[in-house]
Amino acid sequence: MKILVVDDEKVLVKGIKFNLEGEGYEVETACDGEAAVELARGGAFDLIILDLMMPKIDGLQACMRIREFSNVPVIMLTARSEDADKIVGFECGADDYITKPFNILELKARVRALLRRAGMAEKKEKGGRLSAGHITLDPDERAAWKGEQSVDLTAKEFDLMELLMRNPGRVYSRENLLNVVWGYEYAGDYRTVDVHVRRLREKLELDPARPVYILTKWGVGYYLKNG
């Protein structure tokens, strides 16, 4: 597994690299947002750890540019702990968010969880495509379509949509979805789920303002209507 670590704090980068390499990962590093984008474009990374505040372009801009050509899982690092900053990070395509200072054991756990989720399709038996009206998912290829149009989903968006499509009609609370899709005891804001659901609607529903398939059961959670 190959991981890109991007932060302008050299001591921090060195520590993360040392610990991840101790887990058996191949680690490459960079110290600014522009370098992150260029390395991501040609590096074939399995995961990117990206600092929010960096020279040249910040982590949010870098993440948005990376999302133009890749769905590689991204963990955003930041010294900011405000919920609004976290939501902005998810809006820009980040899959996870960890606030500095952090415990390296927590970071390694989140890395393992994201890589496990992203690689699940390769380990699953071929199960065929999933469909709901005009929405189609291919879990084996990690691909999605809106009618005939291919749609790019981030790792977490795909995992969330796959869970809903495999369990049509089942209502999941935000807490359920955090625990199941994020793959660990996620100490995050439940609005994380709302952001991902909204992005799925924008990408997959014909009219995101009037969703037909990705629905809300008010006061309970979210579910998929199939048919």
Protein backbone atom coordinates (compact mmCIF):
# COMPACT_ATOMS: atom_id res chain seq x y z
CA MET A 1 0.00 0.00 0.00
CA LYS A 2 1.33 3.43 -0.97
CA ILE A 3 0.50 6.54 1.07
CA LEU A 4 1.21 10.20 0.35
CA VAL A 5 1.75 12.43 3.42
CA VAL A 6 1.56 16.19 2.78
CA ASP A 7 2.35 18.76 5.48
CA ASP A 8 4.76 21.68 5.80
CA GLU A 9 5.68 20.64 9.36
CA LYS A 10 8.77 18.57 8.62
CA VAL A 11 9.04 17.03 12.08
CA LEU A 12 5.41 15.91 11.94
CA VAL A 13 5.84 14.45 8.46
CA LYS A 14 8.92 12.57 9.57
CA GLY A 15 7.03 11.10 12.51
CA ILE A 16 4.04 10.04 10.44
CA LYS A 17 6.29 8.52 7.78
CA PHE A 18 8.27 6.58 10.39
CA ASN A 19 5.15 5.17 12.02
CA LEU A 20 3.38 4.25 8.78
CA GLU A 21 6.47 2.60 7.36
CA GLY A 22 6.63 0.62 10.59
CA GLU A 23 3.18 -0.71 9.66
CA GLY A 24 4.50 -1.86 6.28
CA TYR A 25 3.20 0.99 4.12
CA GLU A 26 5.26 2.66 1.40
CA VAL A 27 5.26 6.40 2.18
CA GLU A 28 6.03 9.40 -0.01
CA THR A 29 5.98 12.96 1.30
CA ALA A 30 5.46 16.53 0.12
CA CYS A 31 5.35 19.92 1.85
CA ASP A 32 2.89 22.04 -0.17
CA GLY A 33 -0.46 21.76 -1.89
CA GLU A 34 0.79 22.07 -5.46
CA ALA A 35 3.27 19.24 -4.96
CA ALA A 36 0.47 17.15 -3.47
CA VAL A 37 -1.67 17.54 -6.58
CA GLU A 38 1.16 16.71 -8.97
CA LEU A 39 2.26 13.67 -6.99
CA ALA A 40 -1.34 12.45 -6.70
CA ARG A 41 -1.76 12.82 -10.46
CA GLY A 42 1.05 10.40 -11.21
CA GLY A 43 1.73 8.51 -8.02
CA ALA A 44 -0.98 5.81 -7.92
CA PHE A 45 -1.45 6.25 -4.18
CA ASP A 46 -3.85 4.16 -2.10
CA LEU A 47 -4.42 6.97 0.42
CA ILE A 48 -3.44 10.62 0.95
CA ILE A 49 -2.94 12.37 4.30
CA LEU A 50 -3.32 16.07 3.58
CA ASP A 51 -2.76 19.04 5.88
CA LEU A 52 -5.24 21.90 5.69
CA MET A 53 -2.89 24.86 6.06
CA MET A 54 0.00 24.69 3.57
CA PRO A 55 2.02 26.96 1.26
CA LYS A 56 1.09 27.72 -2.36
CA ILE A 57 -2.38 26.17 -2.21
CA ASP A 58 -4.06 24.93 0.95
CA GLY A 59 -5.36 21.45 1.64
CA LEU A 60 -8.93 22.27 0.64
CA GLN A 61 -7.87 23.52 -2.79
CA ALA A 62 -5.50 20.59 -3.21
CA CYS A 63 -8.25 18.12 -2.30
CA MET A 64 -10.68 19.68 -4.77
CA ARG A 65 -8.08 19.48 -7.56
CA ILE A 66 -7.27 15.87 -6.70
CA ARG A 67 -10.98 15.04 -6.83
CA GLU A 68 -11.04 16.20 -10.45
CA PHE A 69 -9.07 13.11 -11.46
CA SER A 70 -9.01 10.69 -8.52
CA ASN A 71 -11.23 9.13 -5.86
CA VAL A 72 -8.27 8.12 -3.68
CA PRO A 73 -9.23 8.22 0.03
CA VAL A 74 -8.12 11.48 1.70
CA ILE A 75 -7.60 12.14 5.40
CA MET A 76 -7.45 15.85 6.18
CA LEU A 77 -5.19 17.06 9.00
CA THR A 78 -5.87 20.40 10.64
CA ALA A 79 -5.23 22.46 13.74
CA ARG A 80 -8.80 23.75 13.47
CA SER A 81 -11.43 21.93 15.50
CA GLU A 82 -14.53 23.91 14.57
CA ASP A 83 -17.38 21.88 13.09
CA ALA A 84 -17.74 24.32 10.20
CA ASP A 85 -14.16 23.65 9.11
CA LYS A 86 -14.80 19.91 9.17
CA ILE A 87 -17.90 20.29 7.04
CA VAL A 88 -15.96 22.38 4.50
CA GLY A 89 -13.34 19.64 4.36
CA PHE A 90 -15.95 17.01 3.57
CA GLU A 91 -17.53 19.33 1.00
CA CYS A 92 -14.17 19.50 -0.78
CA GLY A 93 -14.00 15.72 -1.02
CA ALA A 94 -12.15 14.58 2.10
CA ASP A 95 -13.13 11.17 3.45
CA ASP A 96 -11.97 11.72 7.01
CA TYR A 97 -10.80 14.54 9.24
CA ILE A 98 -8.42 14.50 12.22
CA THR A 99 -7.51 17.46 14.41
CA LYS A 100 -4.00 18.26 15.58
CA PRO A 101 -2.53 17.35 17.96
CA PHE A 102 -3.56 13.73 17.48
CA ASN A 103 -2.57 10.34 18.80
CA ILE A 104 -0.56 8.44 16.19
CA LEU A 105 -2.45 5.27 17.13
CA GLU A 106 -5.70 6.98 16.17
CA LEU A 107 -4.24 8.10 12.85
CA LYS A 108 -3.03 4.59 12.08
CA ALA A 109 -6.46 3.19 12.98
CA ARG A 110 -8.15 5.61 10.61
CA VAL A 111 -5.66 4.81 7.86
CA ARG A 112 -6.38 1.09 8.26
CA ALA A 113 -10.13 1.68 8.26
CA LEU A 114 -10.10 3.78 5.08
CA LEU A 115 -7.79 1.38 3.25
CA ARG A 116 -9.90 -1.57 4.34
CA ARG A 117 -13.07 0.08 3.05
CA ALA A 118 -11.47 1.17 -0.20
CA GLY A 119 -10.11 -2.32 -0.83
CA MET A 120 -13.20 -4.29 0.08
CA ALA A 121 -14.38 -4.58 -3.51
CA GLU A 122 -11.25 -6.47 -4.47
CA LYS A 123 -11.84 -9.02 -1.71
CA LYS A 124 -15.54 -9.56 -2.29
CA GLU A 125 -16.92 -12.31 -4.44
CA LYS A 126 -18.41 -11.08 -7.65
CA GLY A 127 -21.91 -10.06 -6.72
CA GLY A 128 -23.12 -8.23 -9.78
CA ARG A 129 -24.32 -4.67 -10.11
CA LEU A 130 -26.78 -2.94 -7.81
CA SER A 131 -29.53 -0.77 -9.23
CA ALA A 132 -32.32 1.52 -8.12
CA GLY A 133 -34.18 3.15 -10.98
CA HIS A 134 -31.65 5.09 -13.03
CA ILE A 135 -28.89 4.61 -10.40
CA THR A 136 -26.41 1.76 -10.89
CA LEU A 137 -23.45 0.68 -8.75
CA ASP A 138 -20.82 -1.90 -9.59
CA PRO A 139 -19.20 -2.89 -6.26
CA ASP A 140 -16.51 -4.97 -7.97
CA GLU A 141 -15.33 -2.08 -10.14
CA ARG A 142 -16.20 0.64 -7.61
CA ALA A 143 -18.08 2.40 -10.40
CA ALA A 144 -21.38 4.31 -10.43
CA TRP A 145 -23.77 5.55 -13.12
CA LYS A 146 -26.68 7.97 -13.32
CA GLY A 147 -28.52 6.53 -16.28
CA GLU A 148 -25.82 6.11 -18.93
CA GLN A 149 -23.60 8.77 -17.39
CA SER A 150 -20.62 7.66 -15.31
CA VAL A 151 -20.45 9.38 -11.91
CA ASP A 152 -17.34 9.81 -9.76
CA LEU A 153 -17.94 9.00 -6.09
CA THR A 154 -15.42 9.36 -3.30
CA ALA A 155 -14.57 6.27 -1.24
CA LYS A 156 -16.98 7.20 1.55
CA GLU A 157 -19.75 8.24 -0.85
CA PHE A 158 -19.47 4.87 -2.59
CA ASP A 159 -19.45 2.92 0.69
CA LEU A 160 -22.49 4.82 1.93
CA MET A 161 -24.43 4.34 -1.30
CA GLU A 162 -23.52 0.67 -1.50
CA LEU A 163 -24.78 0.08 2.04
CA LEU A 164 -28.10 1.77 1.27
CA MET A 165 -28.52 -0.08 -2.04
CA ARG A 166 -27.77 -3.45 -0.48
CA ASN A 167 -30.45 -2.80 2.15
CA PRO A 168 -33.37 -1.06 0.38
CA GLY A 169 -36.07 0.16 2.72
CA ARG A 170 -33.94 -0.17 5.83
CA VAL A 171 -33.66 3.11 7.72
CA TYR A 172 -30.23 3.92 9.16
CA SER A 173 -29.72 6.57 11.82
CA ARG A 174 -26.79 8.95 11.44
CA GLU A 175 -25.04 7.15 14.30
CA ASN A 176 -25.53 3.79 12.57
CA LEU A 177 -24.09 5.14 9.34
CA LEU A 178 -21.06 6.66 11.09
CA ASN A 179 -20.31 3.36 12.80
CA VAL A 180 -20.89 1.12 9.78
CA VAL A 181 -19.54 3.21 6.89
CA TRP A 182 -16.69 4.96 8.66
CA GLY A 183 -15.60 1.64 10.11
CA TYR A 184 -14.55 2.67 13.63
CA GLU A 185 -15.83 4.56 16.65
CA TYR A 186 -16.02 7.89 14.88
CA ALA A 187 -16.00 10.86 17.27
CA GLY A 188 -17.42 13.19 14.68
CA ASP A 189 -20.39 15.41 14.02
CA TYR A 190 -23.48 13.66 12.68
CA ARG A 191 -23.65 16.39 10.02
CA THR A 192 -20.83 14.49 8.34
CA VAL A 193 -23.48 12.01 7.23
CA ASP A 194 -25.80 14.80 6.08
CA VAL A 195 -23.05 16.25 3.89
CA HIS A 196 -22.33 12.91 2.23
CA VAL A 197 -26.03 12.18 1.65
CA ARG A 198 -26.50 15.61 0.10
CA ARG A 199 -23.53 15.06 -2.21
CA LEU A 200 -24.92 11.66 -3.26
CA ARG A 201 -28.25 13.27 -4.09
CA GLU A 202 -26.52 15.99 -6.11
CA LYS A 203 -24.56 13.39 -8.06
CA LEU A 204 -27.17 10.65 -8.50
CA GLU A 205 -30.73 12.01 -8.21
CA LEU A 206 -32.36 13.57 -11.26
CA ASP A 207 -33.64 16.40 -9.05
CA PRO A 208 -31.56 16.65 -5.85
CA ALA A 209 -34.13 18.98 -4.30
CA ARG A 210 -36.81 16.30 -4.73
CA PRO A 211 -34.98 13.00 -4.24
CA VAL A 212 -36.78 9.85 -5.32
CA TYR A 213 -34.37 7.14 -4.14
CA ILE A 214 -32.06 8.51 -1.40
CA LEU A 215 -34.70 9.46 1.14
CA THR A 216 -34.98 10.85 4.65
CA LYS A 217 -37.22 9.43 7.35
CA TRP A 218 -37.60 12.53 9.45
CA GLY A 219 -36.35 12.19 12.99
CA VAL A 220 -34.86 8.76 12.27
CA GLY A 221 -32.34 8.70 9.44
CA TYR A 222 -31.82 7.78 5.79
CA TYR A 223 -32.89 4.94 3.53
CA LEU A 224 -33.00 3.88 -0.11
CA LYS A 225 -36.28 3.43 -1.92
CA ASN A 226 -35.97 0.88 -4.70
CA GLY A 227 -38.77 0.90 -7.21
